[in-house]
Amino acid sequence: MLFPADIPNRLMRLDQIRPHRVHYAKVDGNPYVIIKIDGALKVFSAVCPHALGDLSYGSVVDGQIDCPSHGWRFSLQDGLCQWPSETKQTLKFLETTEIEGWLCLA
C-alpha cells in the first residue's frame, strides 16, 4: 500500500468525484478540472484555451462546461467549442489511470 504522497501525478480520490460537478486539482503546479459525466471521467487543463479564464469556476450545463470569464462553452464529449461556434478552440482531454483509489494523470 502506498501513502498518498507517494502516488505519482495524483489528482483526487475517485470516491470524492461527484457526477456533473466541477472538481479542481493541481499536479506539479498545473491546475486541472475533473468532471464525471455520463459515467466517464474527463480531465483537462483548468486554463481556458480562449482567454486563460479559470474553468474550475465554470459550470456544467447540458454536457458542456461554461467558462466564467467570457461565457465560452466546450463540449464534454469531444472538447469542441460550442459557443461561439465559429472558433476552433478545443479542450484537450488527458489520459488518466487509477492507483489505489486515486485518479492520476497517466
PDB file of N, CA and C in Angstrom:
ATOM      1  N   MET A   1       0.838  -1.184   0.000  1.00  0.00           N
ATOM      2  CA  MET A   1       0.000   0.000   0.000  1.00  0.00           C
ATOM      3  C   MET A   1       0.882   1.246   0.000  1.00  0.00           C
ATOM      4  N   LEU A   2       0.526   2.197  -0.855  1.00  0.00           N
ATOM      5  CA  LEU A   2       1.267   3.446  -0.937  1.00  0.00           C
ATOM      6  C   LEU A   2       0.605   4.523  -0.078  1.00  0.00           C
ATOM      7  N   PHE A   3       1.408   5.434   0.437  1.00  0.00           N
ATOM      8  CA  PHE A   3       0.871   6.621   1.082  1.00  0.00           C
ATOM      9  C   PHE A   3       0.480   7.592  -0.018  1.00  0.00           C
ATOM     10  N   PRO A   4      -0.560   8.412   0.177  1.00  0.00           N
ATOM     11  CA  PRO A   4      -0.982   9.337  -0.882  1.00  0.00           C
ATOM     12  C   PRO A   4       0.162  10.172  -1.453  1.00  0.00           C
ATOM     13  N   ALA A   5       1.072  10.622  -0.603  1.00  0.00           N
ATOM     14  CA  ALA A   5       2.190  11.445  -1.092  1.00  0.00           C
ATOM     15  C   ALA A   5       3.112  10.670  -2.023  1.00  0.00           C
ATOM     16  N   ASP A   6       3.065   9.339  -1.973  1.00  0.00           N
ATOM     17  CA  ASP A   6       3.925   8.505  -2.817  1.00  0.00           C
ATOM     18  C   ASP A   6       3.271   8.138  -4.146  1.00  0.00           C
ATOM     19  N   ILE A   7       2.028   8.516  -4.352  1.00  0.00           N
ATOM     20  CA  ILE A   7       1.327   8.186  -5.590  1.00  0.00           C
ATOM     21  C   ILE A   7       1.619   9.284  -6.608  1.00  0.00           C
ATOM     22  N   PRO A   8       2.219   8.923  -7.746  1.00  0.00           N
ATOM     23  CA  PRO A   8       2.606   9.940  -8.723  1.00  0.00           C
ATOM     24  C   PRO A   8       1.411  10.546  -9.460  1.00  0.00           C
ATOM     25  N   ASN A   9       1.494  11.838  -9.706  1.00  0.00           N
ATOM     26  CA  ASN A   9       0.513  12.561 -10.523  1.00  0.00           C
ATOM     27  C   ASN A   9      -0.926  12.410 -10.033  1.00  0.00           C
ATOM     28  N   ARG A  10      -1.115  12.329  -8.722  1.00  0.00           N
ATOM     29  CA  ARG A  10      -2.466  12.118  -8.191  1.00  0.00           C
ATOM     30  C   ARG A  10      -3.280  13.401  -8.273  1.00  0.00           C
ATOM     31  N   LEU A  11      -4.525  13.228  -8.689  1.00  0.00           N
ATOM     32  CA  LEU A  11      -5.455  14.347  -8.796  1.00  0.00           C
ATOM     33  C   LEU A  11      -6.383  14.395  -7.593  1.00  0.00           C
ATOM     34  N   MET A  12      -7.178  13.323  -7.419  1.00  0.00           N
ATOM     35  CA  MET A  12      -8.079  13.248  -6.278  1.00  0.00           C
ATOM     36  C   MET A  12      -8.593  11.824  -6.127  1.00  0.00           C
ATOM     37  N   ARG A  13      -9.205  11.546  -4.977  1.00  0.00           N
ATOM     38  CA  ARG A  13      -9.754  10.216  -4.738  1.00  0.00           C
ATOM     39  C   ARG A  13     -10.967  10.007  -5.628  1.00  0.00           C
ATOM     40  N   LEU A  14     -11.056   8.836  -6.204  1.00  0.00           N
ATOM     41  CA  LEU A  14     -12.170   8.524  -7.096  1.00  0.00           C
ATOM     42  C   LEU A  14     -13.516   8.588  -6.379  1.00  0.00           C
ATOM     43  N   ASP A  15     -13.559   8.196  -5.109  1.00  0.00           N
ATOM     44  CA  ASP A  15     -14.826   8.194  -4.380  1.00  0.00           C
ATOM     45  C   ASP A  15     -15.298   9.600  -3.995  1.00  0.00           C
ATOM     46  N   GLN A  16     -14.500  10.621  -4.273  1.00  0.00           N
ATOM     47  CA  GLN A  16     -14.884  12.001  -3.992  1.00  0.00           C
ATOM     48  C   GLN A  16     -15.416  12.728  -5.236  1.00  0.00           C
ATOM     49  N   ILE A  17     -15.377  12.071  -6.380  1.00  0.00           N
ATOM     50  CA  ILE A  17     -15.798  12.706  -7.628  1.00  0.00           C
ATOM     51  C   ILE A  17     -17.297  12.503  -7.812  1.00  0.00           C
ATOM     52  N   ARG A  18     -18.040  13.601  -7.752  1.00  0.00           N
ATOM     53  CA  ARG A  18     -19.491  13.549  -7.909  1.00  0.00           C
ATOM     54  C   ARG A  18     -19.873  13.896  -9.343  1.00  0.00           C
ATOM     55  N   PRO A  19     -20.862  13.205  -9.906  1.00  0.00           N
ATOM     56  CA  PRO A  19     -21.265  13.454 -11.293  1.00  0.00           C
ATOM     57  C   PRO A  19     -21.704  14.905 -11.532  1.00  0.00           C
ATOM     58  N   HIS A  20     -21.353  15.397 -12.704  1.00  0.00           N
ATOM     59  CA  HIS A  20     -21.761  16.719 -13.209  1.00  0.00           C
ATOM     60  C   HIS A  20     -21.295  17.877 -12.335  1.00  0.00           C
ATOM     61  N   ARG A  21     -20.274  17.647 -11.522  1.00  0.00           N
ATOM     62  CA  ARG A  21     -19.693  18.707 -10.690  1.00  0.00           C
ATOM     63  C   ARG A  21     -18.292  19.001 -11.189  1.00  0.00           C
ATOM     64  N   VAL A  22     -17.877  20.241 -11.076  1.00  0.00           N
ATOM     65  CA  VAL A  22     -16.526  20.643 -11.462  1.00  0.00           C
ATOM     66  C   VAL A  22     -15.630  20.466 -10.242  1.00  0.00           C
ATOM     67  N   HIS A  23     -14.602  19.636 -10.398  1.00  0.00           N
ATOM     68  CA  HIS A  23     -13.617  19.414  -9.336  1.00  0.00           C
ATOM     69  C   HIS A  23     -12.283  19.983  -9.797  1.00  0.00           C
ATOM     70  N   TYR A  24     -11.485  20.435  -8.848  1.00  0.00           N
ATOM     71  CA  TYR A  24     -10.217  21.101  -9.137  1.00  0.00           C
ATOM     72  C   TYR A  24      -9.080  20.369  -8.448  1.00  0.00           C
ATOM     73  N   ALA A  25      -7.951  20.271  -9.143  1.00  0.00           N
ATOM     74  CA  ALA A  25      -6.751  19.681  -8.539  1.00  0.00           C
ATOM     75  C   ALA A  25      -5.526  20.286  -9.208  1.00  0.00           C
ATOM     76  N   LYS A  26      -4.397  20.226  -8.504  1.00  0.00           N
ATOM     77  CA  LYS A  26      -3.122  20.678  -9.069  1.00  0.00           C
ATOM     78  C   LYS A  26      -2.138  19.520  -9.031  1.00  0.00           C
ATOM     79  N   VAL A  27      -1.360  19.394 -10.102  1.00  0.00           N
ATOM     80  CA  VAL A  27      -0.260  18.437 -10.159  1.00  0.00           C
ATOM     81  C   VAL A  27       0.956  19.203 -10.665  1.00  0.00           C
ATOM     82  N   ASP A  28       2.014  19.173  -9.911  1.00  0.00           N
ATOM     83  CA  ASP A  28       3.244  19.888 -10.265  1.00  0.00           C
ATOM     84  C   ASP A  28       2.981  21.351 -10.593  1.00  0.00           C
ATOM     85  N   GLY A  29       2.064  21.976  -9.863  1.00  0.00           N
ATOM     86  CA  GLY A  29       1.764  23.384 -10.051  1.00  0.00           C
ATOM     87  C   GLY A  29       0.808  23.692 -11.191  1.00  0.00           C
ATOM     88  N   ASN A  30       0.384  22.680 -11.942  1.00  0.00           N
ATOM     89  CA  ASN A  30      -0.536  22.876 -13.064  1.00  0.00           C
ATOM     90  C   ASN A  30      -1.969  22.581 -12.618  1.00  0.00           C
ATOM     91  N   PRO A  31      -2.915  23.490 -12.921  1.00  0.00           N
ATOM     92  CA  PRO A  31      -4.298  23.309 -12.495  1.00  0.00           C
ATOM     93  C   PRO A  31      -5.096  22.448 -13.479  1.00  0.00           C
ATOM     94  N   TYR A  32      -5.939  21.573 -12.926  1.00  0.00           N
ATOM     95  CA  TYR A  32      -6.755  20.679 -13.749  1.00  0.00           C
ATOM     96  C   TYR A  32      -8.199  20.688 -13.266  1.00  0.00           C
ATOM     97  N   VAL A  33      -9.103  20.415 -14.204  1.00  0.00           N
ATOM     98  CA  VAL A  33     -10.514  20.214 -13.910  1.00  0.00           C
ATOM     99  C   VAL A  33     -10.822  18.737 -14.109  1.00  0.00           C
ATOM    100  N   ILE A  34     -11.613  18.186 -13.196  1.00  0.00           N
ATOM    101  CA  ILE A  34     -12.068  16.805 -13.277  1.00  0.00           C
ATOM    102  C   ILE A  34     -13.593  16.836 -13.251  1.00  0.00           C
ATOM    103  N   ILE A  35     -14.221  16.188 -14.236  1.00  0.00           N
ATOM    104  CA  ILE A  35     -15.678  16.121 -14.292  1.00  0.00           C
ATOM    105  C   ILE A  35     -16.080  14.696 -14.644  1.00  0.00           C
ATOM    106  N   LYS A  36     -17.059  14.162 -13.911  1.00  0.00           N
ATOM    107  CA  LYS A  36     -17.635  12.860 -14.247  1.00  0.00           C
ATOM    108  C   LYS A  36     -18.974  13.120 -14.913  1.00  0.00           C
ATOM    109  N   ILE A  37     -19.076  12.705 -16.172  1.00  0.00           N
ATOM    110  CA  ILE A  37     -20.311  12.942 -16.922  1.00  0.00           C
ATOM    111  C   ILE A  37     -20.667  11.686 -17.692  1.00  0.00           C
ATOM    112  N   ASP A  38     -21.907  11.238 -17.536  1.00  0.00           N
ATOM    113  CA  ASP A  38     -22.386  10.015 -18.175  1.00  0.00           C
ATOM    114  C   ASP A  38     -21.462   8.829 -17.894  1.00  0.00           C
ATOM    115  N   GLY A  39     -20.958   8.766 -16.663  1.00  0.00           N
ATOM    116  CA  GLY A  39     -20.110   7.665 -16.242  1.00  0.00           C
ATOM    117  C   GLY A  39     -18.652   7.770 -16.656  1.00  0.00           C
ATOM    118  N   ALA A  40     -18.306   8.760 -17.484  1.00  0.00           N
ATOM    119  CA  ALA A  40     -16.928   8.927 -17.962  1.00  0.00           C
ATOM    120  C   ALA A  40     -16.242  10.063 -17.200  1.00  0.00           C
ATOM    121  N   LEU A  41     -14.974   9.872 -16.908  1.00  0.00           N
ATOM    122  CA  LEU A  41     -14.183  10.920 -16.270  1.00  0.00           C
ATOM    123  C   LEU A  41     -13.486  11.742 -17.337  1.00  0.00           C
ATOM    124  N   LYS A  42     -13.617  13.055 -17.240  1.00  0.00           N
ATOM    125  CA  LYS A  42     -12.963  13.980 -18.156  1.00  0.00           C
ATOM    126  C   LYS A  42     -12.002  14.837 -17.345  1.00  0.00           C
ATOM    127  N   VAL A  43     -10.743  14.866 -17.769  1.00  0.00           N
ATOM    128  CA  VAL A  43      -9.726  15.670 -17.094  1.00  0.00           C
ATOM    129  C   VAL A  43      -9.068  16.552 -18.143  1.00  0.00           C
ATOM    130  N   PHE A  44      -8.943  17.842 -17.829  1.00  0.00           N
ATOM    131  CA  PHE A  44      -8.333  18.785 -18.755  1.00  0.00           C
ATOM    132  C   PHE A  44      -7.781  19.967 -17.973  1.00  0.00           C
ATOM    133  N   SER A  45      -6.959  20.759 -18.638  1.00  0.00           N
ATOM    134  CA  SER A  45      -6.383  21.939 -18.002  1.00  0.00           C
ATOM    135  C   SER A  45      -7.496  22.859 -17.529  1.00  0.00           C
ATOM    136  N   ALA A  46      -7.302  23.466 -16.372  1.00  0.00           N
ATOM    137  CA  ALA A  46      -8.278  24.414 -15.851  1.00  0.00           C
ATOM    138  C   ALA A  46      -8.155  25.779 -16.526  1.00  0.00           C
ATOM    139  N   VAL A  47      -7.199  25.926 -17.426  1.00  0.00           N
ATOM    140  CA  VAL A  47      -6.985  27.192 -18.120  1.00  0.00           C
ATOM    141  C   VAL A  47      -7.735  27.163 -19.450  1.00  0.00           C
ATOM    142  N   CYS A  48      -8.703  28.061 -19.600  1.00  0.00           N
ATOM    143  CA  CYS A  48      -9.497  28.125 -20.827  1.00  0.00           C
ATOM    144  C   CYS A  48      -8.591  28.444 -22.020  1.00  0.00           C
ATOM    145  N   PRO A  49      -8.724  27.696 -23.118  1.00  0.00           N
ATOM    146  CA  PRO A  49      -7.870  27.953 -24.278  1.00  0.00           C
ATOM    147  C   PRO A  49      -8.196  29.269 -24.990  1.00  0.00           C
ATOM    148  N   HIS A  50      -9.316  29.880 -24.654  1.00  0.00           N
ATOM    149  CA  HIS A  50      -9.701  31.146 -25.294  1.00  0.00           C
ATOM    150  C   HIS A  50      -8.943  32.337 -24.711  1.00  0.00           C
ATOM    151  N   ALA A  51      -9.146  32.598 -23.442  1.00  0.00           N
ATOM    152  CA  ALA A  51      -8.559  33.804 -22.848  1.00  0.00           C
ATOM    153  C   ALA A  51      -7.990  33.538 -21.458  1.00  0.00           C
ATOM    154  N   LEU A  52      -7.604  32.288 -21.219  1.00  0.00           N
ATOM    155  CA  LEU A  52      -6.930  31.886 -19.984  1.00  0.00           C
ATOM    156  C   LEU A  52      -7.793  32.012 -18.736  1.00  0.00           C
ATOM    157  N   GLY A  53      -9.115  32.003 -18.899  1.00  0.00           N
ATOM    158  CA  GLY A  53     -10.017  32.014 -17.746  1.00  0.00           C
ATOM    159  C   GLY A  53      -9.882  30.729 -16.947  1.00  0.00           C
ATOM    160  N   ASP A  54     -10.350  30.750 -15.719  1.00  0.00           N
ATOM    161  CA  ASP A  54     -10.240  29.599 -14.822  1.00  0.00           C
ATOM    162  C   ASP A  54     -11.499  28.737 -14.935  1.00  0.00           C
ATOM    163  N   LEU A  55     -11.383  27.630 -15.654  1.00  0.00           N
ATOM    164  CA  LEU A  55     -12.522  26.738 -15.871  1.00  0.00           C
ATOM    165  C   LEU A  55     -12.975  26.023 -14.597  1.00  0.00           C
ATOM    166  N   SER A  56     -12.155  26.043 -13.560  1.00  0.00           N
ATOM    167  CA  SER A  56     -12.573  25.384 -12.324  1.00  0.00           C
ATOM    168  C   SER A  56     -13.725  26.140 -11.662  1.00  0.00           C
ATOM    169  N   TYR A  57     -13.974  27.371 -12.080  1.00  0.00           N
ATOM    170  CA  TYR A  57     -15.119  28.138 -11.597  1.00  0.00           C
ATOM    171  C   TYR A  57     -16.296  28.058 -12.563  1.00  0.00           C
ATOM    172  N   GLY A  58     -16.148  27.260 -13.618  1.00  0.00           N
ATOM    173  CA  GLY A  58     -17.213  27.095 -14.602  1.00  0.00           C
ATOM    174  C   GLY A  58     -18.322  26.202 -14.081  1.00  0.00           C
ATOM    175  N   SER A  59     -19.356  26.075 -14.888  1.00  0.00           N
ATOM    176  CA  SER A  59     -20.475  25.212 -14.519  1.00  0.00           C
ATOM    177  C   SER A  59     -20.749  24.237 -15.659  1.00  0.00           C
ATOM    178  N   VAL A  60     -21.312  23.093 -15.289  1.00  0.00           N
ATOM    179  CA  VAL A  60     -21.660  22.063 -16.264  1.00  0.00           C
ATOM    180  C   VAL A  60     -23.149  22.184 -16.568  1.00  0.00           C
ATOM    181  N   VAL A  61     -23.456  22.412 -17.847  1.00  0.00           N
ATOM    182  CA  VAL A  61     -24.836  22.554 -18.292  1.00  0.00           C
ATOM    183  C   VAL A  61     -24.985  21.820 -19.620  1.00  0.00           C
ATOM    184  N   ASP A  62     -25.947  20.910 -19.699  1.00  0.00           N
ATOM    185  CA  ASP A  62     -26.241  20.197 -20.949  1.00  0.00           C
ATOM    186  C   ASP A  62     -24.998  19.570 -21.589  1.00  0.00           C
ATOM    187  N   GLY A  63     -24.161  18.935 -20.770  1.00  0.00           N
ATOM    188  CA  GLY A  63     -22.990  18.238 -21.302  1.00  0.00           C
ATOM    189  C   GLY A  63     -21.865  19.150 -21.752  1.00  0.00           C
ATOM    190  N   GLN A  64     -21.894  20.399 -21.304  1.00  0.00           N
ATOM    191  CA  GLN A  64     -20.865  21.371 -21.662  1.00  0.00           C
ATOM    192  C   GLN A  64     -20.359  22.057 -20.404  1.00  0.00           C
ATOM    193  N   ILE A  65     -19.130  22.569 -20.480  1.00  0.00           N
ATOM    194  CA  ILE A  65     -18.638  23.421 -19.400  1.00  0.00           C
ATOM    195  C   ILE A  65     -18.608  24.849 -19.923  1.00  0.00           C
ATOM    196  N   ASP A  66     -19.137  25.754 -19.108  1.00  0.00           N
ATOM    197  CA  ASP A  66     -19.155  27.177 -19.431  1.00  0.00           C
ATOM    198  C   ASP A  66     -17.972  27.855 -18.759  1.00  0.00           C
ATOM    199  N   CYS A  67     -17.205  28.622 -19.529  1.00  0.00           N
ATOM    200  CA  CYS A  67     -16.116  29.399 -18.949  1.00  0.00           C
ATOM    201  C   CYS A  67     -16.708  30.636 -18.275  1.00  0.00           C
ATOM    202  N   PRO A  68     -16.379  30.870 -17.009  1.00  0.00           N
ATOM    203  CA  PRO A  68     -16.965  32.005 -16.303  1.00  0.00           C
ATOM    204  C   PRO A  68     -16.413  33.353 -16.764  1.00  0.00           C
ATOM    205  N   SER A  69     -15.310  33.365 -17.476  1.00  0.00           N
ATOM    206  CA  SER A  69     -14.704  34.640 -17.886  1.00  0.00           C
ATOM    207  C   SER A  69     -15.444  35.306 -19.038  1.00  0.00           C
ATOM    208  N   HIS A  70     -15.732  34.541 -20.095  1.00  0.00           N
ATOM    209  CA  HIS A  70     -16.357  35.130 -21.279  1.00  0.00           C
ATOM    210  C   HIS A  70     -17.547  34.331 -21.800  1.00  0.00           C
ATOM    211  N   GLY A  71     -17.947  33.294 -21.088  1.00  0.00           N
ATOM    212  CA  GLY A  71     -19.133  32.540 -21.474  1.00  0.00           C
ATOM    213  C   GLY A  71     -18.931  31.515 -22.574  1.00  0.00           C
ATOM    214  N   TRP A  72     -17.690  31.269 -22.967  1.00  0.00           N
ATOM    215  CA  TRP A  72     -17.469  30.242 -23.988  1.00  0.00           C
ATOM    216  C   TRP A  72     -17.873  28.895 -23.423  1.00  0.00           C
ATOM    217  N   ARG A  73     -18.415  28.018 -24.274  1.00  0.00           N
ATOM    218  CA  ARG A  73     -18.880  26.694 -23.849  1.00  0.00           C
ATOM    219  C   ARG A  73     -18.158  25.616 -24.648  1.00  0.00           C
ATOM    220  N   PHE A  74     -17.711  24.600 -23.941  1.00  0.00           N
ATOM    221  CA  PHE A  74     -16.993  23.486 -24.548  1.00  0.00           C
ATOM    222  C   PHE A  74     -17.717  22.184 -24.259  1.00  0.00           C
ATOM    223  N   SER A  75     -17.838  21.334 -25.279  1.00  0.00           N
ATOM    224  CA  SER A  75     -18.463  20.027 -25.134  1.00  0.00           C
ATOM    225  C   SER A  75     -17.603  19.133 -24.253  1.00  0.00           C
ATOM    226  N   LEU A  76     -18.246  18.413 -23.347  1.00  0.00           N
ATOM    227  CA  LEU A  76     -17.519  17.446 -22.526  1.00  0.00           C
ATOM    228  C   LEU A  76     -17.470  16.075 -23.198  1.00  0.00           C
ATOM    229  N   GLN A  77     -18.027  15.959 -24.393  1.00  0.00           N
ATOM    230  CA  GLN A  77     -17.912  14.723 -25.182  1.00  0.00           C
ATOM    231  C   GLN A  77     -16.632  14.732 -26.003  1.00  0.00           C
ATOM    232  N   ASP A  78     -16.426  15.818 -26.771  1.00  0.00           N
ATOM    233  CA  ASP A  78     -15.282  15.857 -27.694  1.00  0.00           C
ATOM    234  C   ASP A  78     -14.355  17.045 -27.477  1.00  0.00           C
ATOM    235  N   GLY A  79     -14.686  17.949 -26.551  1.00  0.00           N
ATOM    236  CA  GLY A  79     -13.837  19.089 -26.248  1.00  0.00           C
ATOM    237  C   GLY A  79     -14.012  20.286 -27.173  1.00  0.00           C
ATOM    238  N   LEU A  80     -14.859  20.146 -28.208  1.00  0.00           N
ATOM    239  CA  LEU A  80     -15.030  21.229 -29.172  1.00  0.00           C
ATOM    240  C   LEU A  80     -15.798  22.404 -28.570  1.00  0.00           C
ATOM    241  N   CYS A  81     -15.404  23.600 -28.975  1.00  0.00           N
ATOM    242  CA  CYS A  81     -16.106  24.801 -28.537  1.00  0.00           C
ATOM    243  C   CYS A  81     -17.487  24.823 -29.185  1.00  0.00           C
ATOM    244  N   GLN A  82     -18.522  25.003 -28.370  1.00  0.00           N
ATOM    245  CA  GLN A  82     -19.896  25.040 -28.856  1.00  0.00           C
ATOM    246  C   GLN A  82     -20.413  26.468 -29.033  1.00  0.00           C
ATOM    247  N   TRP A  83     -19.843  27.388 -28.259  1.00  0.00           N
ATOM    248  CA  TRP A  83     -20.189  28.789 -28.403  1.00  0.00           C
ATOM    249  C   TRP A  83     -18.993  29.638 -28.057  1.00  0.00           C
ATOM    250  N   PRO A  84     -18.571  30.556 -28.883  1.00  0.00           N
ATOM    251  CA  PRO A  84     -19.128  30.797 -30.213  1.00  0.00           C
ATOM    252  C   PRO A  84     -18.744  29.678 -31.173  1.00  0.00           C
ATOM    253  N   SER A  85     -19.641  29.370 -32.066  1.00  0.00           N
ATOM    254  CA  SER A  85     -19.459  28.195 -32.926  1.00  0.00           C
ATOM    255  C   SER A  85     -18.385  28.369 -33.993  1.00  0.00           C
ATOM    256  N   GLU A  86     -17.998  29.587 -34.308  1.00  0.00           N
ATOM    257  CA  GLU A  86     -17.027  29.797 -35.389  1.00  0.00           C
ATOM    258  C   GLU A  86     -15.571  29.582 -34.952  1.00  0.00           C
ATOM    259  N   THR A  87     -15.349  29.344 -33.697  1.00  0.00           N
ATOM    260  CA  THR A  87     -13.973  29.160 -33.225  1.00  0.00           C
ATOM    261  C   THR A  87     -13.516  27.711 -33.367  1.00  0.00           C
ATOM    262  N   LYS A  88     -12.231  27.528 -33.405  1.00  0.00           N
ATOM    263  CA  LYS A  88     -11.653  26.185 -33.467  1.00  0.00           C
ATOM    264  C   LYS A  88     -10.960  25.808 -32.148  1.00  0.00           C
ATOM    265  N   GLN A  89     -11.168  26.596 -31.096  1.00  0.00           N
ATOM    266  CA  GLN A  89     -10.580  26.294 -29.797  1.00  0.00           C
ATOM    267  C   GLN A  89     -11.195  25.004 -29.251  1.00  0.00           C
ATOM    268  N   THR A  90     -10.376  24.178 -28.622  1.00  0.00           N
ATOM    269  CA  THR A  90     -10.869  22.926 -28.040  1.00  0.00           C
ATOM    270  C   THR A  90     -10.223  22.677 -26.681  1.00  0.00           C
ATOM    271  N   LEU A  91     -10.883  21.856 -25.902  1.00  0.00           N
ATOM    272  CA  LEU A  91     -10.284  21.331 -24.677  1.00  0.00           C
ATOM    273  C   LEU A  91      -9.532  20.065 -25.040  1.00  0.00           C
ATOM    274  N   LYS A  92      -8.387  19.864 -24.444  1.00  0.00           N
ATOM    275  CA  LYS A  92      -7.626  18.633 -24.665  1.00  0.00           C
ATOM    276  C   LYS A  92      -7.806  17.745 -23.436  1.00  0.00           C
ATOM    277  N   PHE A  93      -8.501  16.622 -23.640  1.00  0.00           N
ATOM    278  CA  PHE A  93      -8.703  15.692 -22.539  1.00  0.00           C
ATOM    279  C   PHE A  93      -7.426  14.889 -22.311  1.00  0.00           C
ATOM    280  N   LEU A  94      -7.108  14.661 -21.049  1.00  0.00           N
ATOM    281  CA  LEU A  94      -5.867  13.988 -20.666  1.00  0.00           C
ATOM    282  C   LEU A  94      -6.121  12.543 -20.270  1.00  0.00           C
ATOM    283  N   GLU A  95      -5.146  11.712 -20.522  1.00  0.00           N
ATOM    284  CA  GLU A  95      -5.218  10.297 -20.122  1.00  0.00           C
ATOM    285  C   GLU A  95      -5.027  10.202 -18.615  1.00  0.00           C
ATOM    286  N   THR A  96      -5.803   9.313 -17.999  1.00  0.00           N
ATOM    287  CA  THR A  96      -5.700   9.109 -16.558  1.00  0.00           C
ATOM    288  C   THR A  96      -5.596   7.619 -16.253  1.00  0.00           C
ATOM    289  N   THR A  97      -5.239   7.343 -15.025  1.00  0.00           N
ATOM    290  CA  THR A  97      -5.175   5.974 -14.533  1.00  0.00           C
ATOM    291  C   THR A  97      -5.615   5.985 -13.070  1.00  0.00           C
ATOM    292  N   GLU A  98      -5.924   4.824 -12.551  1.00  0.00           N
ATOM    293  CA  GLU A  98      -6.313   4.685 -11.154  1.00  0.00           C
ATOM    294  C   GLU A  98      -5.218   3.961 -10.405  1.00  0.00           C
ATOM    295  N   ILE A  99      -4.811   4.513  -9.276  1.00  0.00           N
ATOM    296  CA  ILE A  99      -3.818   3.873  -8.412  1.00  0.00           C
ATOM    297  C   ILE A  99      -4.368   3.897  -6.999  1.00  0.00           C
ATOM    298  N   GLU A 100      -4.689   2.721  -6.477  1.00  0.00           N
ATOM    299  CA  GLU A 100      -5.160   2.565  -5.094  1.00  0.00           C
ATOM    300  C   GLU A 100      -6.262   3.549  -4.718  1.00  0.00           C
ATOM    301  N   GLY A 101      -7.251   3.683  -5.626  1.00  0.00           N
ATOM    302  CA  GLY A 101      -8.399   4.529  -5.341  1.00  0.00           C
ATOM    303  C   GLY A 101      -8.213   5.990  -5.694  1.00  0.00           C
ATOM    304  N   TRP A 102      -7.061   6.334  -6.237  1.00  0.00           N
ATOM    305  CA  TRP A 102      -6.785   7.713  -6.642  1.00  0.00           C
ATOM    306  C   TRP A 102      -6.834   7.855  -8.155  1.00  0.00           C
ATOM    307  N   LEU A 103      -7.415   8.936  -8.644  1.00  0.00           N
ATOM    308  CA  LEU A 103      -7.350   9.283 -10.051  1.00  0.00           C
ATOM    309  C   LEU A 103      -6.034  10.011 -10.278  1.00  0.00           C
ATOM    310  N   CYS A 104      -5.259   9.535 -11.256  1.00  0.00           N
ATOM    311  CA  CYS A 104      -3.935  10.102 -11.513  1.00  0.00           C
ATOM    312  C   CYS A 104      -3.767  10.384 -12.992  1.00  0.00           C
ATOM    313  N   LEU A 105      -2.950  11.376 -13.296  1.00  0.00           N
ATOM    314  CA  LEU A 105      -2.571  11.590 -14.687  1.00  0.00           C
ATOM    315  C   LEU A 105      -1.708  10.425 -15.132  1.00  0.00           C
ATOM    316  N   ALA A 106      -1.946   9.950 -16.341  1.00  0.00           N
ATOM    317  CA  ALA A 106      -1.177   8.795 -16.857  1.00  0.00           C
ATOM    318  C   ALA A 106       0.207   9.240 -17.316  1.00  0.00           C
TER     319      ALA A 106
END
